[in-house]
Amino acid sequence: MSNIVAIVGRPNVGKSTFFNRLVEERKAIEDNMSGVTRDRHYGHAQWGGKFFSVIDTGGYVTGSDDVYEAEIRKQVKLAVEEASVILFVVDCFDGLTGLDKEFANELRSSKKPIFIVANKADNQERLLMANEFYSLGLGENEVFPIAAVSGAGTGDLLDEVIKHLSEDGLEDPDFGIPKISILGRPNVGKSSFLNALLGKERSIVTDEAGTTRDAIHTRYKLYGKDFIITDTAGIRKKAKVKEDIEFYSVMRSLRTLEESDVVIIMVDATRGLEAQDVNLISLAIKNGKGIMIMVNKWDLIEKDHKTMEKFKEDMLEKLGENKWIPIIFTSVLSKQRIFQAIELAVEVYDNKTSKVPTSKLNDKMLGEIERYPPPAYKGKYIKIKYITQLPTRNPVFAFFCNLPQYIKSPYTRYLENRIREHFDFKGVPIKITYKKK
């Protein structure tokens, strides 16, 4: 979508609070500690009948000891290049700083419309203090004082912003687009995978675990298919999560899982499938998500012609009954099978949304039921007469029978296995329900 609004500025001026105000969700992590936001973070907003993308960026800083400083500046620069309109956020409480002036000089070369947004103008004194930002000589000849926490002043600002947006932003650009998220433990290569797919640095990558904090959404097109792919913060065991920021990062990741259609569980080949990965898989199944396992760093494993098969067998054993989850072995570093991994995720989405015709379902399944009918219960015989797939978001099959209350879970597992045998539901949890007829 061509309408993109970038929020930029030095650290701790309230950019993420303002971003959350515009997208009307607490999407970006807010904290009084500077440097919380690192990557470009996208959301969608609507004002005056126009939809537009909003980019939250990390705080622009120079000369600090932060190992992420150069990467954050790079992300800010990319956001400015992408944007249709730039919102330069400053702080009425701190007043005009040397870093504001330095960043203003960086923005001068941009030909984009720039609005100076004086945040924290939540009383009369600070409203007056906003006037000193006129000395920057930047932007659309007006400083807009706002209070991002309460929303005061944002309406007047947005009225002016949308005048610079094109008319094609008149509908929600993400409606009906498949959502794929990448989850896993810290440092398994989630951000590197996203960057390799896009061919550009969408997420900051370092060797330090916990580099990604927010869930990073990206619209992506491959082989004619359009979808949203989301990089998330690494998820560790609850006992190891000490900082508030990491706690909120993990919460964002879990919320992303709940909002996704397909979840890619990324596993480190040098560590194998661990308890935390199995917990994530269980959570995805509970939420009815499409699931696949992507084993990364396969290039680090010493192998022969049987290594992959043995590795897969060990993982399937840990998965127990969930052997329907597909596994792919990749190396993000050498770009080995990374595009096949995305193709597999799209295939899982197609399986999740596919509908089996009722006639076909009955042709295949009634024969299987006749071959192995439900066990009698207390001398009562159970007769399944008819099967249909319900019109739900996830595959749910209704079996109509005379005594639904007497069918036990082992027979349900048998029916699920037969459905999977005849129809392609690879990577998709199936639910079976019984109705009286």
Protein backbone atom coordinates (compact mmCIF):
# COMPACT_ATOMS: atom_id res chain seq x y z
CA MET A 1 0.00 0.00 0.00
CA SER A 2 1.41 3.42 -0.94
CA ASN A 3 0.18 5.37 2.13
CA ILE A 4 2.90 4.97 4.78
CA VAL A 5 3.45 7.26 7.79
CA ALA A 6 6.80 6.92 9.64
CA ILE A 7 7.23 7.98 13.28
CA VAL A 8 10.82 9.01 13.97
CA GLY A 9 12.81 10.86 16.62
CA ARG A 10 15.38 10.43 19.38
CA PRO A 11 14.83 7.84 22.18
CA ASN A 12 12.15 8.20 24.85
CA VAL A 13 10.05 10.96 23.28
CA GLY A 14 6.94 8.73 23.20
CA LYS A 15 7.07 7.32 19.65
CA SER A 16 5.73 3.88 20.62
CA THR A 17 2.95 5.40 22.74
CA PHE A 18 1.98 7.59 19.77
CA PHE A 19 2.16 4.54 17.43
CA ASN A 20 -0.18 2.58 19.73
CA ARG A 21 -2.55 5.57 19.81
CA LEU A 22 -2.69 5.67 15.98
CA VAL A 23 -3.19 1.92 15.44
CA GLU A 24 -5.59 1.76 18.41
CA GLU A 25 -3.80 -1.25 19.88
CA ARG A 26 -0.97 -1.77 22.37
CA LYS A 27 1.19 -3.29 19.63
CA ALA A 28 4.53 -1.66 20.41
CA ILE A 29 6.19 -2.16 23.79
CA GLU A 30 6.28 1.02 25.86
CA ASP A 31 8.80 1.54 28.65
CA ASN A 32 10.48 4.51 30.33
CA MET A 33 13.88 2.98 29.53
CA SER A 34 15.23 4.29 26.23
CA GLY A 35 16.09 1.94 23.36
CA VAL A 36 13.18 -0.47 23.84
CA THR A 37 12.10 -0.28 20.17
CA ARG A 38 14.79 -1.53 17.79
CA ASP A 39 13.27 -2.79 14.54
CA ARG A 40 10.78 -1.04 12.27
CA HIS A 41 7.36 -1.94 13.58
CA TYR A 42 4.27 -1.75 11.33
CA GLY A 43 0.59 -1.29 12.07
CA HIS A 44 -2.49 0.03 10.30
CA ALA A 45 -4.51 3.14 11.09
CA GLN A 46 -7.56 4.86 9.71
CA TRP A 47 -8.53 8.53 9.76
CA GLY A 48 -11.00 10.53 7.71
CA GLY A 49 -11.97 7.44 5.70
CA LYS A 50 -8.35 6.71 4.68
CA PHE A 51 -6.34 3.64 5.71
CA PHE A 52 -2.59 3.97 6.03
CA SER A 53 0.39 2.02 7.37
CA VAL A 54 2.23 3.40 10.40
CA ILE A 55 5.91 2.62 11.10
CA ASP A 56 7.31 2.90 14.62
CA THR A 57 11.11 3.16 14.71
CA GLY A 58 13.87 2.89 17.27
CA GLY A 59 15.23 6.07 18.85
CA TYR A 60 17.82 7.85 16.69
CA VAL A 61 21.04 8.25 18.68
CA THR A 62 24.76 8.81 18.00
CA GLY A 63 27.88 8.30 20.10
CA SER A 64 26.33 5.88 22.62
CA ASP A 65 27.67 2.54 23.92
CA ASP A 66 24.60 0.70 22.63
CA VAL A 67 25.65 -2.19 20.35
CA TYR A 68 22.42 -1.67 18.39
CA GLU A 69 23.00 2.06 17.70
CA ALA A 70 24.19 1.72 14.08
CA GLU A 71 21.54 -0.90 13.25
CA ILE A 72 18.74 1.26 14.70
CA ARG A 73 19.93 4.26 12.62
CA LYS A 74 19.87 2.02 9.54
CA GLN A 75 16.27 0.95 10.35
CA VAL A 76 15.23 4.61 10.83
CA LYS A 77 16.76 5.52 7.45
CA LEU A 78 14.87 2.66 5.74
CA ALA A 79 11.61 3.82 7.36
CA VAL A 80 12.15 7.39 6.08
CA GLU A 81 12.82 6.04 2.58
CA GLU A 82 9.63 3.92 2.65
CA ALA A 83 7.36 6.63 4.05
CA SER A 84 4.91 8.95 2.29
CA VAL A 85 4.79 11.26 5.35
CA ILE A 86 7.29 11.64 8.21
CA LEU A 87 6.23 12.49 11.77
CA PHE A 88 9.26 13.85 13.65
CA VAL A 89 8.42 13.43 17.35
CA VAL A 90 10.06 15.72 19.91
CA ASP A 91 9.51 16.17 23.66
CA CYS A 92 7.99 19.32 25.21
CA PHE A 93 9.16 18.24 28.66
CA ASP A 94 12.86 18.03 27.69
CA GLY A 95 12.69 20.85 25.16
CA LEU A 96 14.92 21.17 22.12
CA THR A 97 18.07 19.03 22.41
CA GLY A 98 21.28 18.75 20.40
CA LEU A 99 20.18 15.31 19.20
CA ASP A 100 16.89 16.77 17.90
CA LYS A 101 18.89 19.34 15.91
CA GLU A 102 21.26 16.68 14.61
CA PHE A 103 18.38 14.45 13.50
CA ALA A 104 16.55 17.42 11.93
CA ASN A 105 19.64 18.03 9.79
CA GLU A 106 19.50 14.36 8.68
CA LEU A 107 15.86 14.82 7.64
CA ARG A 108 16.41 18.03 5.66
CA SER A 109 17.54 16.14 2.58
CA SER A 110 14.24 14.23 2.47
CA LYS A 111 11.70 15.49 -0.06
CA LYS A 112 8.83 13.92 1.94
CA PRO A 113 6.26 16.01 3.90
CA ILE A 114 7.60 16.32 7.48
CA PHE A 115 5.47 17.21 10.52
CA ILE A 116 7.06 18.20 13.84
CA VAL A 117 5.02 16.50 16.58
CA ALA A 118 5.68 18.01 20.02
CA ASN A 119 4.66 15.24 22.42
CA LYS A 120 3.91 15.43 26.18
CA ALA A 121 2.12 18.78 25.73
CA ASP A 122 -0.33 17.86 28.48
CA ASN A 123 -0.66 21.26 30.20
CA GLN A 124 -0.67 24.94 29.25
CA GLU A 125 2.97 25.52 30.17
CA ARG A 126 4.17 22.69 27.91
CA LEU A 127 1.91 23.86 25.08
CA LEU A 128 3.82 27.14 25.14
CA MET A 129 7.16 25.27 25.30
CA ALA A 130 6.26 23.55 22.01
CA ASN A 131 6.92 26.85 20.21
CA GLU A 132 10.71 26.53 20.57
CA PHE A 133 10.65 23.69 18.00
CA TYR A 134 9.85 26.23 15.27
CA SER A 135 13.57 27.11 15.44
CA LEU A 136 14.32 23.78 13.71
CA GLY A 137 13.02 25.37 10.49
CA LEU A 138 11.73 22.00 9.37
CA GLY A 139 8.45 20.54 8.25
CA GLU A 140 5.12 21.86 7.06
CA ASN A 141 5.50 25.33 8.71
CA GLU A 142 3.63 24.27 11.84
CA VAL A 143 4.46 22.46 15.09
CA PHE A 144 1.70 20.14 16.32
CA PRO A 145 1.59 19.83 20.13
CA ILE A 146 0.02 16.53 21.24
CA ALA A 147 -0.27 14.27 24.28
CA ALA A 148 0.10 10.71 22.96
CA VAL A 149 -1.06 9.20 26.28
CA SER A 150 -4.46 10.93 26.21
CA GLY A 151 -4.72 11.52 22.45
CA ALA A 152 -5.05 15.30 22.82
CA GLY A 153 -4.09 17.13 19.61
CA THR A 154 -3.75 14.01 17.45
CA GLY A 155 -6.96 14.76 15.52
CA ASP A 156 -5.70 18.14 14.24
CA LEU A 157 -2.39 16.52 13.23
CA LEU A 158 -4.05 13.64 11.36
CA ASP A 159 -6.40 16.03 9.53
CA GLU A 160 -3.28 17.60 7.99
CA VAL A 161 -1.42 14.29 7.47
CA ILE A 162 -4.17 12.68 5.36
CA LYS A 163 -4.09 15.63 2.95
CA HIS A 164 -0.73 14.23 1.80
CA LEU A 165 -1.99 10.66 1.35
CA SER A 166 -3.24 9.24 -1.92
CA GLU A 167 -6.84 8.19 -2.49
CA ASP A 168 -6.00 4.49 -2.84
CA GLY A 169 -5.92 3.95 0.92
CA LEU A 170 -9.68 3.53 1.21
CA GLU A 171 -9.84 -0.06 2.48
CA ASP A 172 -8.06 -2.26 5.01
CA PRO A 173 -5.07 -3.60 3.03
CA ASP A 174 -4.65 -6.74 5.16
CA PHE A 175 -8.23 -8.00 5.10
CA GLY A 176 -8.32 -11.70 4.16
CA ILE A 177 -4.51 -12.01 3.78
CA PRO A 178 -2.99 -15.18 5.32
CA LYS A 179 -0.88 -14.51 8.43
CA ILE A 180 2.26 -16.60 8.99
CA SER A 181 4.36 -16.15 12.14
CA ILE A 182 7.86 -17.39 13.01
CA LEU A 183 8.24 -18.53 16.63
CA GLY A 184 10.95 -20.28 18.60
CA ARG A 185 13.61 -19.94 21.25
CA PRO A 186 16.03 -16.96 21.19
CA ASN A 187 18.84 -17.00 18.62
CA VAL A 188 17.55 -19.81 16.39
CA GLY A 189 17.64 -17.54 13.32
CA LYS A 190 14.08 -16.13 13.05
CA SER A 191 15.14 -12.59 12.09
CA SER A 192 17.85 -13.86 9.73
CA PHE A 193 15.21 -16.02 8.00
CA LEU A 194 12.92 -13.02 7.47
CA ASN A 195 15.81 -10.89 6.16
CA ALA A 196 16.93 -13.68 3.79
CA LEU A 197 13.39 -14.01 2.37
CA LEU A 198 13.01 -10.28 1.81
CA GLY A 199 16.54 -9.71 0.54
CA LYS A 200 16.91 -6.73 2.89
CA GLU A 201 17.43 -6.05 6.59
CA ARG A 202 13.87 -5.99 7.90
CA SER A 203 14.89 -7.10 11.41
CA ILE A 204 18.06 -6.29 13.31
CA VAL A 205 20.28 -9.38 13.66
CA THR A 206 23.08 -9.85 16.23
CA ASP A 207 24.63 -12.85 17.99
CA GLU A 208 23.05 -11.65 21.22
CA ALA A 209 19.89 -13.51 22.28
CA GLY A 210 16.84 -11.27 22.68
CA THR A 211 17.68 -8.78 19.91
CA THR A 212 14.09 -8.81 18.56
CA ARG A 213 11.59 -7.47 21.08
CA ASP A 214 8.40 -6.59 19.22
CA ALA A 215 6.54 -8.76 16.73
CA ILE A 216 7.71 -7.51 13.31
CA HIS A 217 5.01 -7.70 10.60
CA THR A 218 5.89 -7.72 6.89
CA ARG A 219 3.67 -8.03 3.81
CA TYR A 220 5.29 -10.52 1.40
CA LYS A 221 4.56 -11.91 -2.05
CA LEU A 222 6.01 -15.17 -3.40
CA TYR A 223 5.02 -17.08 -6.54
CA GLY A 224 1.89 -14.98 -6.92
CA LYS A 225 0.74 -15.58 -3.32
CA ASP A 226 0.32 -12.65 -0.94
CA PHE A 227 0.69 -13.05 2.84
CA ILE A 228 1.86 -11.35 6.04
CA ILE A 229 4.91 -12.85 7.72
CA THR A 230 5.76 -11.95 11.32
CA ASP A 231 9.09 -12.26 13.11
CA THR A 232 8.71 -12.54 16.89
CA ALA A 233 10.83 -12.28 20.01
CA GLY A 234 12.48 -15.52 21.17
CA ILE A 235 10.52 -17.38 23.85
CA ARG A 236 12.40 -18.82 26.81
CA LYS A 237 11.15 -20.74 29.83
CA LYS A 238 9.08 -18.53 32.14
CA ALA A 239 11.59 -18.99 35.01
CA LYS A 240 14.38 -17.46 32.90
CA VAL A 241 12.42 -14.31 31.96
CA LYS A 242 13.71 -11.64 34.34
CA GLU A 243 13.23 -8.22 32.68
CA ASP A 244 9.83 -6.54 32.23
CA ILE A 245 10.69 -5.79 28.58
CA GLU A 246 11.41 -9.45 27.84
CA PHE A 247 8.16 -10.41 29.57
CA TYR A 248 6.21 -8.05 27.29
CA SER A 249 8.17 -9.31 24.26
CA VAL A 250 7.12 -12.88 25.05
CA MET A 251 3.51 -11.76 25.55
CA ARG A 252 3.60 -10.07 22.10
CA SER A 253 4.95 -13.30 20.58
CA LEU A 254 2.19 -15.40 22.14
CA ARG A 255 -0.43 -12.89 21.03
CA THR A 256 1.00 -13.07 17.50
CA LEU A 257 0.56 -16.85 17.63
CA GLU A 258 -3.11 -16.36 18.53
CA GLU A 259 -3.62 -13.96 15.60
CA SER A 260 -1.80 -16.15 13.03
CA ASP A 261 -3.16 -18.66 10.55
CA VAL A 262 0.08 -20.66 10.30
CA VAL A 263 2.92 -20.91 12.84
CA ILE A 264 6.48 -21.79 11.81
CA ILE A 265 8.21 -23.28 14.87
CA MET A 266 11.91 -22.70 14.25
CA VAL A 267 14.26 -25.17 15.93
CA ASP A 268 18.07 -25.07 16.30
CA ALA A 269 19.51 -28.22 14.66
CA THR A 270 22.39 -28.24 17.16
CA ARG A 271 19.93 -28.48 20.08
CA GLY A 272 17.03 -30.44 18.57
CA LEU A 273 13.37 -30.24 19.60
CA GLU A 274 13.30 -28.98 23.20
CA ALA A 275 10.54 -28.86 25.82
CA GLN A 276 9.85 -25.17 25.11
CA ASP A 277 9.35 -25.93 21.39
CA VAL A 278 6.88 -28.71 22.28
CA ASN A 279 5.03 -26.26 24.56
CA LEU A 280 4.71 -23.79 21.66
CA ILE A 281 3.42 -26.57 19.39
CA SER A 282 0.82 -27.57 22.00
CA LEU A 283 -0.30 -23.95 22.29
CA ALA A 284 -0.61 -23.65 18.51
CA ILE A 285 -2.69 -26.86 18.36
CA LYS A 286 -4.91 -25.62 21.20
CA ASN A 287 -5.52 -22.42 19.22
CA GLY A 288 -6.29 -24.36 16.02
CA LYS A 289 -3.32 -23.00 14.04
CA GLY A 290 -1.59 -24.54 11.05
CA ILE A 291 1.86 -25.72 12.18
CA MET A 292 5.18 -26.68 10.62
CA ILE A 293 8.65 -27.22 12.11
CA MET A 294 11.63 -25.54 10.47
CA VAL A 295 14.96 -27.01 11.60
CA ASN A 296 17.56 -24.27 11.06
CA LYS A 297 21.41 -24.37 11.15
CA TRP A 298 21.38 -27.74 9.35
CA ASP A 299 24.76 -26.74 7.85
CA LEU A 300 26.34 -27.08 11.31
CA ILE A 301 25.45 -30.77 11.64
CA GLU A 302 27.88 -33.50 10.60
CA LYS A 303 25.78 -35.85 8.53
CA ASP A 304 25.56 -38.88 6.31
CA HIS A 305 22.69 -40.15 4.13
CA LYS A 306 20.73 -41.33 7.23
CA THR A 307 21.16 -38.28 9.51
CA MET A 308 18.06 -36.37 8.35
CA GLU A 309 15.80 -39.43 8.62
CA LYS A 310 17.06 -40.25 12.11
CA PHE A 311 16.68 -36.62 13.22
CA LYS A 312 13.12 -36.61 11.88
CA GLU A 313 12.27 -39.88 13.65
CA ASP A 314 13.54 -38.51 16.98
CA MET A 315 11.43 -35.37 16.57
CA LEU A 316 8.28 -37.29 15.58
CA GLU A 317 8.71 -39.46 18.67
CA LYS A 318 8.69 -36.32 20.85
CA LEU A 319 5.59 -35.08 19.03
CA GLY A 320 3.63 -38.18 20.06
CA GLU A 321 0.20 -38.21 18.38
CA ASN A 322 1.00 -35.07 16.38
CA LYS A 323 2.98 -36.80 13.64
CA TRP A 324 0.98 -34.86 11.03
CA ILE A 325 3.21 -31.80 11.60
CA PRO A 326 5.59 -31.42 8.60
CA ILE A 327 9.32 -30.91 9.22
CA ILE A 328 11.78 -29.17 6.87
CA PHE A 329 15.57 -28.88 7.30
CA THR A 330 17.13 -25.55 6.37
CA SER A 331 20.16 -23.32 6.66
CA VAL A 332 19.25 -19.63 6.63
CA LEU A 333 22.95 -18.72 6.42
CA SER A 334 23.43 -20.59 3.13
CA LYS A 335 19.79 -20.02 2.06
CA GLN A 336 19.28 -23.78 1.84
CA ARG A 337 15.55 -24.63 1.42
CA ILE A 338 14.34 -21.29 2.84
CA PHE A 339 11.94 -20.70 -0.05
CA GLN A 340 10.70 -24.31 0.18
CA ALA A 341 9.96 -23.55 3.86
CA ILE A 342 7.70 -20.65 2.90
CA GLU A 343 6.07 -22.76 0.17
CA LEU A 344 5.34 -25.36 2.84
CA ALA A 345 3.80 -22.71 5.14
CA VAL A 346 1.52 -21.56 2.30
CA GLU A 347 0.60 -25.22 1.58
CA VAL A 348 -0.34 -25.65 5.27
CA TYR A 349 -2.54 -22.54 5.02
CA ASP A 350 -4.25 -23.96 1.91
CA ASN A 351 -4.85 -27.24 3.78
CA LYS A 352 -6.26 -25.34 6.75
CA THR A 353 -8.76 -23.46 4.61
CA SER A 354 -9.71 -26.34 2.28
CA LYS A 355 -13.22 -27.81 2.33
CA VAL A 356 -13.90 -31.47 1.51
CA PRO A 357 -17.13 -32.02 -0.48
CA THR A 358 -19.69 -33.90 1.64
CA SER A 359 -20.23 -36.59 -1.01
CA LYS A 360 -16.49 -37.31 -1.23
CA LEU A 361 -16.18 -37.36 2.56
CA ASN A 362 -18.99 -39.90 2.93
CA ASP A 363 -17.72 -42.07 0.04
CA LYS A 364 -14.33 -42.50 1.73
CA MET A 365 -15.21 -42.48 5.43
CA LEU A 366 -18.37 -44.63 5.53
CA GLY A 367 -16.37 -47.46 3.98
CA GLU A 368 -13.68 -47.07 6.68
CA ILE A 369 -16.35 -47.05 9.40
CA GLU A 370 -17.98 -50.17 7.95
CA ARG A 371 -14.59 -51.91 7.92
CA TYR A 372 -13.96 -50.97 11.56
CA PRO A 373 -17.19 -49.82 13.30
CA PRO A 374 -17.23 -48.10 16.72
CA PRO A 375 -17.00 -50.64 19.58
CA ALA A 376 -20.38 -51.50 21.19
CA TYR A 377 -20.97 -50.01 24.63
CA LYS A 378 -22.96 -52.04 27.20
CA GLY A 379 -24.54 -54.06 24.42
CA LYS A 380 -25.56 -50.96 22.45
CA TYR A 381 -24.36 -50.65 18.88
CA ILE A 382 -23.27 -47.27 17.56
CA LYS A 383 -24.16 -46.49 13.95
CA ILE A 384 -22.57 -43.53 12.15
CA LYS A 385 -24.86 -42.56 9.30
CA TYR A 386 -23.51 -39.35 7.81
CA ILE A 387 -20.42 -37.06 7.88
CA THR A 388 -19.96 -33.43 6.90
CA GLN A 389 -17.32 -30.73 7.30
CA LEU A 390 -18.68 -27.75 9.21
CA PRO A 391 -18.33 -24.19 7.80
CA THR A 392 -15.71 -23.13 10.38
CA ARG A 393 -12.33 -21.35 10.10
CA ASN A 394 -10.49 -24.55 11.09
CA PRO A 395 -11.31 -28.10 9.87
CA VAL A 396 -14.14 -29.52 12.01
CA PHE A 397 -15.93 -32.72 10.98
CA ALA A 398 -19.36 -33.66 12.31
CA PHE A 399 -20.26 -37.36 12.50
CA PHE A 400 -24.01 -37.94 12.85
CA CYS A 401 -24.87 -41.12 14.78
CA ASN A 402 -27.47 -42.70 17.06
CA LEU A 403 -25.42 -42.74 20.31
CA PRO A 404 -22.74 -40.02 20.17
CA GLN A 405 -22.16 -40.10 23.94
CA TYR A 406 -20.68 -43.63 23.78
CA ILE A 407 -17.86 -42.97 21.28
CA LYS A 408 -14.48 -42.95 23.04
CA SER A 409 -11.26 -41.08 22.20
CA PRO A 410 -9.35 -44.07 20.68
CA TYR A 411 -12.03 -44.36 17.98
CA THR A 412 -11.90 -40.59 17.41
CA ARG A 413 -8.15 -40.94 16.79
CA TYR A 414 -8.88 -43.74 14.31
CA LEU A 415 -11.32 -41.49 12.41
CA GLU A 416 -8.84 -38.60 12.39
CA ASN A 417 -6.10 -40.85 11.00
CA ARG A 418 -8.41 -42.09 8.23
CA ILE A 419 -9.39 -38.50 7.32
CA ARG A 420 -5.68 -37.58 7.10
CA GLU A 421 -5.04 -40.72 5.02
CA HIS A 422 -7.64 -39.79 2.40
CA PHE A 423 -7.43 -35.97 2.43
CA ASP A 424 -4.48 -33.58 2.66
CA PHE A 425 -4.55 -31.96 6.10
CA LYS A 426 -0.79 -31.95 6.60
CA GLY A 427 0.17 -29.42 9.26
CA VAL A 428 -3.42 -28.76 10.36
CA PRO A 429 -5.13 -29.78 13.63
CA ILE A 430 -8.46 -31.54 12.99
CA LYS A 431 -11.43 -31.49 15.34
CA ILE A 432 -14.10 -34.21 15.32
CA THR A 433 -17.51 -33.74 16.86
CA TYR A 434 -20.47 -36.14 17.18
CA LYS A 435 -24.09 -35.17 16.72
CA LYS A 436 -27.21 -37.21 17.41
CA LYS A 437 -29.30 -38.24 14.39
